[in-house]
């Protein structure tokens, strides 16, 4: 398992995921590992599969162009087909190490906010999968975003009648009611009591109008890595949209990260449209994802 973690780190240095979670996923009994080794037994390539999803497929840079990746992909598809599945995805399935295949440019044609893609990132891997019959499964782009907090200077917006504060334990049900209305799939995250104690690495920040929670945000302090913060799961009650509440939540929440002394802020696994919301606070796209999918015959 240590060698799986090491090859992940070598080949995906741009992916932000908590190391303990990566180790947990790579050691799970449910995964199927197809290794490629050199004559000395060193792991130089691998495919890690969960059900019909390839969690990770990579070949060390010095060994590419020799058919190793093609062999791993063909063996992966064969295994998935033998398990009775009729399609294969790459990246995000039941769990994920990364949402999709990391690339340097958009994979869906549209206008996005200016990006700040990591140096050294390319789009060769997307071309590899496309050449083997994979297509982008989303009708928009998927990406991560980043922000250097030393340069952060966004000012809060005027949102008359709305106040902002950290949520308390007694606010959990009101926050969940807001997300039920705004984006129900977020509610499961907001029903975690630990987010309301003020003692963990993650906290809920809310927008209120009178006694109603009308906006929510989860703010994370060094949850993924030391010195790295994030904001996410932004939701605004439908009756209060168009009043810049979501933007202000992001601006204020990011300011909390800077006040806490963190160096950088990060947003993972987000998508088209949110580049504008988070871009207002200074976040820039740092890696795009090819959300690869293929029908098996």
C-alpha atoms as a PDB file:
ATOM      1  CA  UNK A   1       0.000   0.000   0.000  1.00  0.00           C
ATOM      2  CA  UNK A   2       2.914   2.347   0.661  1.00  0.00           C
ATOM      3  CA  UNK A   3       4.083   1.909  -2.931  1.00  0.00           C
ATOM      4  CA  UNK A   4       0.576   2.769  -4.185  1.00  0.00           C
ATOM      5  CA  UNK A   5       0.670   5.953  -2.146  1.00  0.00           C
ATOM      6  CA  UNK A   6       4.157   6.766  -3.438  1.00  0.00           C
ATOM      7  CA  UNK A   7       3.211   6.370  -7.105  1.00  0.00           C
ATOM      8  CA  UNK A   8       0.096   8.472  -6.509  1.00  0.00           C
ATOM      9  CA  UNK A   9       2.252  11.254  -5.069  1.00  0.00           C
ATOM     10  CA  UNK A  10       4.748  11.024  -7.956  1.00  0.00           C
ATOM     11  CA  UNK A  11       2.153  11.193 -10.696  1.00  0.00           C
ATOM     12  CA  UNK A  12      -0.527  13.458  -9.240  1.00  0.00           C
ATOM     13  CA  UNK A  13       1.303  16.246  -7.376  1.00  0.00           C
ATOM     14  CA  UNK A  14      -1.421  18.755  -8.300  1.00  0.00           C
ATOM     15  CA  UNK A  15      -4.275  16.845  -6.669  1.00  0.00           C
ATOM     16  CA  UNK A  16      -5.292  18.040  -3.215  1.00  0.00           C
ATOM     17  CA  UNK A  17      -6.666  15.231  -1.062  1.00  0.00           C
ATOM     18  CA  UNK A  18      -6.069  14.536   2.610  1.00  0.00           C
ATOM     19  CA  UNK A  19      -3.231  12.006   2.863  1.00  0.00           C
ATOM     20  CA  UNK A  20      -5.008   9.928   5.482  1.00  0.00           C
ATOM     21  CA  UNK A  21      -8.057   9.634   3.205  1.00  0.00           C
ATOM     22  CA  UNK A  22      -5.877   8.639   0.234  1.00  0.00           C
ATOM     23  CA  UNK A  23      -4.195   5.962   2.346  1.00  0.00           C
ATOM     24  CA  UNK A  24      -7.574   4.725   3.542  1.00  0.00           C
ATOM     25  CA  UNK A  25      -8.922   4.411  -0.005  1.00  0.00           C
ATOM     26  CA  UNK A  26      -5.784   2.719  -1.328  1.00  0.00           C
ATOM     27  CA  UNK A  27      -5.854   0.147   1.486  1.00  0.00           C
ATOM     28  CA  UNK A  28      -9.554  -0.699   1.174  1.00  0.00           C
ATOM     29  CA  UNK A  29     -10.220  -4.397   0.582  1.00  0.00           C
ATOM     30  CA  UNK A  30     -12.771  -3.598  -2.126  1.00  0.00           C
ATOM     31  CA  UNK A  31     -10.267  -2.140  -4.607  1.00  0.00           C
ATOM     32  CA  UNK A  32      -8.646  -4.163  -7.376  1.00  0.00           C
ATOM     33  CA  UNK A  33      -5.030  -3.313  -8.218  1.00  0.00           C
ATOM     34  CA  UNK A  34      -3.372  -4.031 -11.563  1.00  0.00           C
ATOM     35  CA  UNK A  35       0.371  -3.312 -11.252  1.00  0.00           C
ATOM     36  CA  UNK A  36       3.109  -2.771 -13.833  1.00  0.00           C
ATOM     37  CA  UNK A  37       6.646  -3.448 -12.587  1.00  0.00           C
ATOM     38  CA  UNK A  38      10.140  -3.141 -13.998  1.00  0.00           C
ATOM     39  CA  UNK A  39      12.553  -6.132 -14.038  1.00  0.00           C
ATOM     40  CA  UNK A  40      13.671  -5.243 -10.511  1.00  0.00           C
ATOM     41  CA  UNK A  41      10.124  -5.377  -9.187  1.00  0.00           C
ATOM     42  CA  UNK A  42       9.671  -1.620  -8.781  1.00  0.00           C
ATOM     43  CA  UNK A  43       6.122  -0.351  -9.313  1.00  0.00           C
ATOM     44  CA  UNK A  44       6.281   1.883 -12.403  1.00  0.00           C
ATOM     45  CA  UNK A  45       2.592   1.948 -13.320  1.00  0.00           C
ATOM     46  CA  UNK A  46      -0.728   0.966 -11.832  1.00  0.00           C
ATOM     47  CA  UNK A  47      -4.477   0.896 -12.239  1.00  0.00           C
ATOM     48  CA  UNK A  48      -6.618   1.010  -9.098  1.00  0.00           C
ATOM     49  CA  UNK A  49     -10.253   0.010  -9.645  1.00  0.00           C
ATOM     50  CA  UNK A  50     -13.362   0.242  -7.485  1.00  0.00           C
ATOM     51  CA  UNK A  51     -16.406  -1.440  -9.044  1.00  0.00           C
ATOM     52  CA  UNK A  52     -16.579   0.088 -12.564  1.00  0.00           C
ATOM     53  CA  UNK A  53     -14.520   3.174 -11.742  1.00  0.00           C
ATOM     54  CA  UNK A  54     -10.790   3.551 -12.290  1.00  0.00           C
ATOM     55  CA  UNK A  55      -9.725   5.503  -9.214  1.00  0.00           C
ATOM     56  CA  UNK A  56      -6.191   5.952 -10.555  1.00  0.00           C
ATOM     57  CA  UNK A  57      -4.298   4.907 -13.670  1.00  0.00           C
ATOM     58  CA  UNK A  58      -0.767   6.166 -14.172  1.00  0.00           C
ATOM     59  CA  UNK A  59       2.695   5.354 -15.477  1.00  0.00           C
ATOM     60  CA  UNK A  60       5.852   7.035 -14.199  1.00  0.00           C
ATOM     61  CA  UNK A  61       6.981   9.777 -16.590  1.00  0.00           C
ATOM     62  CA  UNK A  62      10.245   8.086 -17.564  1.00  0.00           C
ATOM     63  CA  UNK A  63       8.371   4.913 -18.597  1.00  0.00           C
ATOM     64  CA  UNK A  64       5.657   6.446 -20.772  1.00  0.00           C
ATOM     65  CA  UNK A  65       5.345   5.888 -24.506  1.00  0.00           C
ATOM     66  CA  UNK A  66       6.094   2.155 -24.249  1.00  0.00           C
ATOM     67  CA  UNK A  67       2.546   0.788 -24.231  1.00  0.00           C
ATOM     68  CA  UNK A  68       2.404   0.288 -20.457  1.00  0.00           C
ATOM     69  CA  UNK A  69      -0.550   2.608 -20.000  1.00  0.00           C
ATOM     70  CA  UNK A  70      -2.458   0.989 -22.858  1.00  0.00           C
ATOM     71  CA  UNK A  71      -1.862  -2.414 -21.312  1.00  0.00           C
ATOM     72  CA  UNK A  72      -3.103  -1.244 -17.921  1.00  0.00           C
ATOM     73  CA  UNK A  73      -6.215   0.315 -19.441  1.00  0.00           C
ATOM     74  CA  UNK A  74      -7.061  -2.774 -21.480  1.00  0.00           C
ATOM     75  CA  UNK A  75      -6.603  -4.999 -18.419  1.00  0.00           C
ATOM     76  CA  UNK A  76      -8.781  -2.617 -16.383  1.00  0.00           C
ATOM     77  CA  UNK A  77     -11.605  -2.701 -18.916  1.00  0.00           C
ATOM     78  CA  UNK A  78     -11.383  -6.499 -19.078  1.00  0.00           C
ATOM     79  CA  UNK A  79     -11.660  -6.772 -15.285  1.00  0.00           C
ATOM     80  CA  UNK A  80     -14.599  -4.348 -15.139  1.00  0.00           C
ATOM     81  CA  UNK A  81     -16.395  -6.196 -17.936  1.00  0.00           C
ATOM     82  CA  UNK A  82     -15.880  -9.515 -16.125  1.00  0.00           C
ATOM     83  CA  UNK A  83     -17.582  -8.026 -13.042  1.00  0.00           C
ATOM     84  CA  UNK A  84     -20.727  -7.520 -15.128  1.00  0.00           C
ATOM     85  CA  UNK A  85     -20.492  -3.777 -15.753  1.00  0.00           C
ATOM     86  CA  UNK A  86     -21.299  -2.247 -19.126  1.00  0.00           C
ATOM     87  CA  UNK A  87     -19.487   1.072 -18.687  1.00  0.00           C
ATOM     88  CA  UNK A  88     -16.343   2.444 -17.070  1.00  0.00           C
ATOM     89  CA  UNK A  89     -15.591   5.835 -15.541  1.00  0.00           C
ATOM     90  CA  UNK A  90     -12.289   7.378 -14.494  1.00  0.00           C
ATOM     91  CA  UNK A  91     -11.907   9.458 -11.326  1.00  0.00           C
ATOM     92  CA  UNK A  92     -15.063   9.886  -9.285  1.00  0.00           C
ATOM     93  CA  UNK A  93     -17.169   6.838  -8.528  1.00  0.00           C
ATOM     94  CA  UNK A  94     -18.371   5.702  -5.120  1.00  0.00           C
ATOM     95  CA  UNK A  95     -15.188   7.350  -3.795  1.00  0.00           C
ATOM     96  CA  UNK A  96     -12.485   9.387  -5.457  1.00  0.00           C
ATOM     97  CA  UNK A  97      -8.844  10.338  -5.290  1.00  0.00           C
ATOM     98  CA  UNK A  98      -9.484  13.038  -7.880  1.00  0.00           C
ATOM     99  CA  UNK A  99     -12.717  13.999  -9.695  1.00  0.00           C
ATOM    100  CA  UNK A 100     -11.407  13.019 -13.129  1.00  0.00           C
ATOM    101  CA  UNK A 101      -8.239  13.093 -15.194  1.00  0.00           C
ATOM    102  CA  UNK A 102      -6.155  16.231 -14.381  1.00  0.00           C
ATOM    103  CA  UNK A 103      -5.491  18.403 -17.458  1.00  0.00           C
ATOM    104  CA  UNK A 104      -4.203  21.890 -18.226  1.00  0.00           C
ATOM    105  CA  UNK A 105      -7.057  23.222 -20.372  1.00  0.00           C
ATOM    106  CA  UNK A 106     -10.872  23.196 -20.494  1.00  0.00           C
ATOM    107  CA  UNK A 107     -12.412  20.041 -21.954  1.00  0.00           C
ATOM    108  CA  UNK A 108     -15.847  21.560 -22.589  1.00  0.00           C
ATOM    109  CA  UNK A 109     -16.084  24.589 -24.933  1.00  0.00           C
ATOM    110  CA  UNK A 110     -17.221  27.630 -22.969  1.00  0.00           C
ATOM    111  CA  UNK A 111     -15.977  30.950 -21.611  1.00  0.00           C
ATOM    112  CA  UNK A 112     -14.587  30.746 -18.083  1.00  0.00           C
ATOM    113  CA  UNK A 113     -12.848  33.152 -15.730  1.00  0.00           C
ATOM    114  CA  UNK A 114      -9.081  33.589 -16.270  1.00  0.00           C
ATOM    115  CA  UNK A 115      -7.180  30.624 -14.857  1.00  0.00           C
ATOM    116  CA  UNK A 116      -3.877  30.060 -13.081  1.00  0.00           C
ATOM    117  CA  UNK A 117      -3.070  26.480 -14.055  1.00  0.00           C
ATOM    118  CA  UNK A 118      -0.218  24.766 -12.220  1.00  0.00           C
ATOM    119  CA  UNK A 119       3.147  24.882 -13.995  1.00  0.00           C
ATOM    120  CA  UNK A 120       4.000  21.523 -15.518  1.00  0.00           C
ATOM    121  CA  UNK A 121       0.421  20.345 -15.969  1.00  0.00           C
ATOM    122  CA  UNK A 122      -0.454  19.239 -19.531  1.00  0.00           C
ATOM    123  CA  UNK A 123      -3.387  17.613 -21.340  1.00  0.00           C
ATOM    124  CA  UNK A 124      -1.615  14.521 -22.689  1.00  0.00           C
ATOM    125  CA  UNK A 125      -3.580  12.195 -20.403  1.00  0.00           C
ATOM    126  CA  UNK A 126      -6.923  13.403 -21.799  1.00  0.00           C
ATOM    127  CA  UNK A 127      -5.670  12.700 -25.320  1.00  0.00           C
ATOM    128  CA  UNK A 128      -4.603   9.208 -24.209  1.00  0.00           C
ATOM    129  CA  UNK A 129      -8.079   8.352 -22.938  1.00  0.00           C
ATOM    130  CA  UNK A 130      -9.823   9.966 -25.898  1.00  0.00           C
ATOM    131  CA  UNK A 131      -7.705   7.822 -28.211  1.00  0.00           C
ATOM    132  CA  UNK A 132      -9.067   4.786 -26.387  1.00  0.00           C
ATOM    133  CA  UNK A 133     -12.713   5.741 -26.871  1.00  0.00           C
ATOM    134  CA  UNK A 134     -13.426   7.804 -23.748  1.00  0.00           C
ATOM    135  CA  UNK A 135     -15.560  10.945 -23.798  1.00  0.00           C
ATOM    136  CA  UNK A 136     -16.149  13.784 -21.344  1.00  0.00           C
ATOM    137  CA  UNK A 137     -19.342  12.841 -19.488  1.00  0.00           C
ATOM    138  CA  UNK A 138     -20.344  16.324 -18.278  1.00  0.00           C
ATOM    139  CA  UNK A 139     -21.998  19.115 -20.279  1.00  0.00           C
ATOM    140  CA  UNK A 140     -19.731  21.633 -18.562  1.00  0.00           C
ATOM    141  CA  UNK A 141     -16.218  21.811 -17.128  1.00  0.00           C
ATOM    142  CA  UNK A 142     -15.028  20.397 -13.815  1.00  0.00           C
ATOM    143  CA  UNK A 143     -12.050  21.969 -12.040  1.00  0.00           C
ATOM    144  CA  UNK A 144     -10.243  22.930  -8.838  1.00  0.00           C
ATOM    145  CA  UNK A 145      -9.507  26.543  -7.875  1.00  0.00           C
ATOM    146  CA  UNK A 146      -6.841  28.185  -5.697  1.00  0.00           C
ATOM    147  CA  UNK A 147      -6.012  31.504  -4.067  1.00  0.00           C
ATOM    148  CA  UNK A 148      -2.844  32.899  -2.471  1.00  0.00           C
ATOM    149  CA  UNK A 149      -4.116  34.349   0.816  1.00  0.00           C
ATOM    150  CA  UNK A 150      -1.161  36.709   1.128  1.00  0.00           C
ATOM    151  CA  UNK A 151      -2.589  38.559  -1.856  1.00  0.00           C
ATOM    152  CA  UNK A 152      -6.210  38.369  -0.730  1.00  0.00           C
ATOM    153  CA  UNK A 153      -7.890  41.757  -0.436  1.00  0.00           C
ATOM    154  CA  UNK A 154     -11.550  41.341  -1.467  1.00  0.00           C
ATOM    155  CA  UNK A 155     -13.882  43.678   0.449  1.00  0.00           C
ATOM    156  CA  UNK A 156     -17.276  42.525   1.797  1.00  0.00           C
ATOM    157  CA  UNK A 157     -20.325  43.507  -0.249  1.00  0.00           C
ATOM    158  CA  UNK A 158     -23.355  45.461   0.853  1.00  0.00           C
ATOM    159  CA  UNK A 159     -26.258  43.070   1.468  1.00  0.00           C
ATOM    160  CA  UNK A 160     -28.951  45.098   3.270  1.00  0.00           C
ATOM    161  CA  UNK A 161     -30.911  43.211   5.925  1.00  0.00           C
ATOM    162  CA  UNK A 162     -28.506  40.260   6.008  1.00  0.00           C
ATOM    163  CA  UNK A 163     -26.145  39.472   8.874  1.00  0.00           C
ATOM    164  CA  UNK A 164     -23.335  36.911   8.996  1.00  0.00           C
ATOM    165  CA  UNK A 165     -21.861  34.812  11.807  1.00  0.00           C
ATOM    166  CA  UNK A 166     -20.484  31.419  12.793  1.00  0.00           C
ATOM    167  CA  UNK A 167     -23.234  28.867  13.319  1.00  0.00           C
ATOM    168  CA  UNK A 168     -23.919  27.416  16.780  1.00  0.00           C
ATOM    169  CA  UNK A 169     -25.183  23.902  17.626  1.00  0.00           C
ATOM    170  CA  UNK A 170     -28.743  25.185  17.839  1.00  0.00           C
ATOM    171  CA  UNK A 171     -28.475  26.478  14.244  1.00  0.00           C
ATOM    172  CA  UNK A 172     -27.988  23.063  12.641  1.00  0.00           C
ATOM    173  CA  UNK A 173     -31.640  22.407  11.779  1.00  0.00           C
ATOM    174  CA  UNK A 174     -32.109  25.927  10.391  1.00  0.00           C
ATOM    175  CA  UNK A 175     -28.997  25.533   8.256  1.00  0.00           C
ATOM    176  CA  UNK A 176     -30.266  22.175   6.991  1.00  0.00           C
ATOM    177  CA  UNK A 177     -33.635  23.732   6.156  1.00  0.00           C
ATOM    178  CA  UNK A 178     -31.811  26.319   4.052  1.00  0.00           C
ATOM    179  CA  UNK A 179     -29.851  23.696   2.125  1.00  0.00           C
ATOM    180  CA  UNK A 180     -32.964  21.545   1.710  1.00  0.00           C
ATOM    181  CA  UNK A 181     -34.468  24.486  -0.158  1.00  0.00           C
ATOM    182  CA  UNK A 182     -31.332  25.575  -2.011  1.00  0.00           C
ATOM    183  CA  UNK A 183     -29.400  22.405  -2.825  1.00  0.00           C
ATOM    184  CA  UNK A 184     -30.666  19.315  -1.043  1.00  0.00           C
ATOM    185  CA  UNK A 185     -27.600  17.172  -1.770  1.00  0.00           C
ATOM    186  CA  UNK A 186     -25.613  19.458   0.577  1.00  0.00           C
ATOM    187  CA  UNK A 187     -27.869  18.789   3.559  1.00  0.00           C
ATOM    188  CA  UNK A 188     -26.064  15.593   4.596  1.00  0.00           C
ATOM    189  CA  UNK A 189     -22.908  17.653   5.163  1.00  0.00           C
ATOM    190  CA  UNK A 190     -24.713  20.321   7.169  1.00  0.00           C
ATOM    191  CA  UNK A 191     -26.241  17.731   9.495  1.00  0.00           C
ATOM    192  CA  UNK A 192     -22.830  16.940  10.980  1.00  0.00           C
ATOM    193  CA  UNK A 193     -22.946  18.209  14.599  1.00  0.00           C
ATOM    194  CA  UNK A 194     -19.155  18.502  14.741  1.00  0.00           C
ATOM    195  CA  UNK A 195     -19.293  21.431  12.299  1.00  0.00           C
ATOM    196  CA  UNK A 196     -21.138  23.524  14.882  1.00  0.00           C
ATOM    197  CA  UNK A 197     -18.911  23.092  17.930  1.00  0.00           C
ATOM    198  CA  UNK A 198     -16.192  25.546  16.873  1.00  0.00           C
ATOM    199  CA  UNK A 199     -13.526  23.033  17.900  1.00  0.00           C
ATOM    200  CA  UNK A 200     -12.765  21.129  14.697  1.00  0.00           C
ATOM    201  CA  UNK A 201     -11.058  21.957  11.424  1.00  0.00           C
ATOM    202  CA  UNK A 202     -14.364  22.711   9.738  1.00  0.00           C
ATOM    203  CA  UNK A 203     -17.084  25.169  10.703  1.00  0.00           C
ATOM    204  CA  UNK A 204     -20.388  26.416   9.308  1.00  0.00           C
ATOM    205  CA  UNK A 205     -20.719  30.108   8.477  1.00  0.00           C
ATOM    206  CA  UNK A 206     -24.261  31.415   7.951  1.00  0.00           C
ATOM    207  CA  UNK A 207     -26.186  34.356   6.560  1.00  0.00           C
ATOM    208  CA  UNK A 208     -29.341  35.354   8.436  1.00  0.00           C
ATOM    209  CA  UNK A 209     -32.395  37.465   7.776  1.00  0.00           C
ATOM    210  CA  UNK A 210     -34.324  38.019  11.017  1.00  0.00           C
ATOM    211  CA  UNK A 211     -34.257  34.534  12.592  1.00  0.00           C
ATOM    212  CA  UNK A 212     -34.010  32.576   9.334  1.00  0.00           C
ATOM    213  CA  UNK A 213     -30.817  31.064   7.949  1.00  0.00           C
ATOM    214  CA  UNK A 214     -30.809  32.138   4.307  1.00  0.00           C
ATOM    215  CA  UNK A 215     -27.256  31.199   3.305  1.00  0.00           C
ATOM    216  CA  UNK A 216     -24.642  28.667   4.370  1.00  0.00           C
ATOM    217  CA  UNK A 217     -20.954  27.992   3.816  1.00  0.00           C
ATOM    218  CA  UNK A 218     -18.522  25.377   5.144  1.00  0.00           C
ATOM    219  CA  UNK A 219     -15.116  26.836   6.023  1.00  0.00           C
ATOM    220  CA  UNK A 220     -12.193  24.425   6.441  1.00  0.00           C
ATOM    221  CA  UNK A 221      -8.938  25.185   8.268  1.00  0.00           C
ATOM    222  CA  UNK A 222      -5.993  22.933   7.273  1.00  0.00           C
ATOM    223  CA  UNK A 223      -8.378  20.014   6.722  1.00  0.00           C
ATOM    224  CA  UNK A 224      -6.605  18.790   3.569  1.00  0.00           C
ATOM    225  CA  UNK A 225      -3.044  19.928   4.333  1.00  0.00           C
ATOM    226  CA  UNK A 226      -1.214  22.232   6.784  1.00  0.00           C
ATOM    227  CA  UNK A 227      -1.583  25.912   5.866  1.00  0.00           C
ATOM    228  CA  UNK A 228      -4.311  25.162   3.311  1.00  0.00           C
ATOM    229  CA  UNK A 229      -7.884  26.314   3.854  1.00  0.00           C
ATOM    230  CA  UNK A 230     -11.028  26.070   1.802  1.00  0.00           C
ATOM    231  CA  UNK A 231     -14.618  27.218   1.516  1.00  0.00           C
ATOM    232  CA  UNK A 232     -17.402  25.263  -0.123  1.00  0.00           C
ATOM    233  CA  UNK A 233     -20.924  23.873  -0.159  1.00  0.00           C
ATOM    234  CA  UNK A 234     -22.216  27.408  -0.658  1.00  0.00           C
ATOM    235  CA  UNK A 235     -26.010  27.548  -0.592  1.00  0.00           C
ATOM    236  CA  UNK A 236     -28.570  30.375  -0.614  1.00  0.00           C
ATOM    237  CA  UNK A 237     -32.314  29.965  -0.027  1.00  0.00           C
ATOM    238  CA  UNK A 238     -34.211  30.396  -3.296  1.00  0.00           C
ATOM    239  CA  UNK A 239     -36.238  33.312  -1.917  1.00  0.00           C
ATOM    240  CA  UNK A 240     -33.025  35.268  -1.257  1.00  0.00           C
ATOM    241  CA  UNK A 241     -31.069  34.708  -4.451  1.00  0.00           C
ATOM    242  CA  UNK A 242     -29.865  37.659  -6.480  1.00  0.00           C
ATOM    243  CA  UNK A 243     -28.841  39.631  -3.384  1.00  0.00           C
ATOM    244  CA  UNK A 244     -25.097  38.758  -3.544  1.00  0.00           C
ATOM    245  CA  UNK A 245     -25.355  36.646  -0.390  1.00  0.00           C
ATOM    246  CA  UNK A 246     -23.376  33.713  -1.822  1.00  0.00           C
ATOM    247  CA  UNK A 247     -20.584  35.998  -3.012  1.00  0.00           C
ATOM    248  CA  UNK A 248     -20.425  37.707   0.353  1.00  0.00           C
ATOM    249  CA  UNK A 249     -20.314  34.375   2.185  1.00  0.00           C
ATOM    250  CA  UNK A 250     -17.309  33.376   0.066  1.00  0.00           C
ATOM    251  CA  UNK A 251     -15.560  36.728   0.573  1.00  0.00           C
ATOM    252  CA  UNK A 252     -16.118  36.713   4.334  1.00  0.00           C
ATOM    253  CA  UNK A 253     -15.287  33.017   4.733  1.00  0.00           C
ATOM    254  CA  UNK A 254     -12.058  33.419   2.786  1.00  0.00           C
ATOM    255  CA  UNK A 255     -11.202  36.390   4.981  1.00  0.00           C
ATOM    256  CA  UNK A 256     -11.540  34.081   7.997  1.00  0.00           C
ATOM    257  CA  UNK A 257      -8.943  31.775   6.453  1.00  0.00           C
ATOM    258  CA  UNK A 258      -6.519  34.662   6.051  1.00  0.00           C
ATOM    259  CA  UNK A 259      -7.158  35.881   9.601  1.00  0.00           C
ATOM    260  CA  UNK A 260      -6.361  32.355  10.814  1.00  0.00           C
ATOM    261  CA  UNK A 261      -2.885  32.699   9.302  1.00  0.00           C
ATOM    262  CA  UNK A 262      -3.284  30.169   6.491  1.00  0.00           C
ATOM    263  CA  UNK A 263      -1.161  30.539   3.357  1.00  0.00           C
ATOM    264  CA  UNK A 264      -3.452  29.358   0.599  1.00  0.00           C
ATOM    265  CA  UNK A 265      -7.109  28.625  -0.080  1.00  0.00           C
ATOM    266  CA  UNK A 266      -8.438  25.848  -2.258  1.00  0.00           C
ATOM    267  CA  UNK A 267     -11.721  24.711  -3.824  1.00  0.00           C
ATOM    268  CA  UNK A 268     -11.990  21.143  -5.028  1.00  0.00           C
ATOM    269  CA  UNK A 269     -14.325  19.338  -7.430  1.00  0.00           C
ATOM    270  CA  UNK A 270     -16.284  22.370  -8.623  1.00  0.00           C
ATOM    271  CA  UNK A 271     -17.843  23.221 -11.971  1.00  0.00           C
ATOM    272  CA  UNK A 272     -18.810  25.830 -14.572  1.00  0.00           C
ATOM    273  CA  UNK A 273     -20.627  28.850 -13.193  1.00  0.00           C
ATOM    274  CA  UNK A 274     -18.917  28.619  -9.834  1.00  0.00           C
ATOM    275  CA  UNK A 275     -15.764  30.020 -11.432  1.00  0.00           C
ATOM    276  CA  UNK A 276     -17.616  33.358 -11.466  1.00  0.00           C
ATOM    277  CA  UNK A 277     -18.863  33.089  -7.880  1.00  0.00           C
ATOM    278  CA  UNK A 278     -15.478  32.196  -6.426  1.00  0.00           C
ATOM    279  CA  UNK A 279     -13.616  34.272  -8.996  1.00  0.00           C
ATOM    280  CA  UNK A 280     -15.118  37.401  -7.442  1.00  0.00           C
ATOM    281  CA  UNK A 281     -13.114  36.618  -4.306  1.00  0.00           C
ATOM    282  CA  UNK A 282      -9.937  36.047  -6.335  1.00  0.00           C
ATOM    283  CA  UNK A 283      -9.949  32.258  -6.770  1.00  0.00           C
ATOM    284  CA  UNK A 284      -8.545  31.002 -10.076  1.00  0.00           C
ATOM    285  CA  UNK A 285      -8.857  27.629 -11.803  1.00  0.00           C
ATOM    286  CA  UNK A 286      -5.680  25.626 -11.195  1.00  0.00           C
ATOM    287  CA  UNK A 287      -6.508  22.259 -12.766  1.00  0.00           C
ATOM    288  CA  UNK A 288      -9.253  21.049 -15.101  1.00  0.00           C
ATOM    289  CA  UNK A 289     -10.640  17.504 -15.120  1.00  0.00           C
ATOM    290  CA  UNK A 290     -11.549  15.302 -18.054  1.00  0.00           C
ATOM    291  CA  UNK A 291     -14.536  13.382 -16.650  1.00  0.00           C
ATOM    292  CA  UNK A 292     -13.886  10.267 -18.708  1.00  0.00           C
ATOM    293  CA  UNK A 293     -16.513   7.635 -19.436  1.00  0.00           C
ATOM    294  CA  UNK A 294     -16.780   4.768 -21.915  1.00  0.00           C
ATOM    295  CA  UNK A 295     -19.407   2.211 -22.812  1.00  0.00           C
ATOM    296  CA  UNK A 296     -18.036  -1.329 -22.835  1.00  0.00           C
ATOM    297  CA  UNK A 297     -19.028  -3.723 -25.607  1.00  0.00           C
END
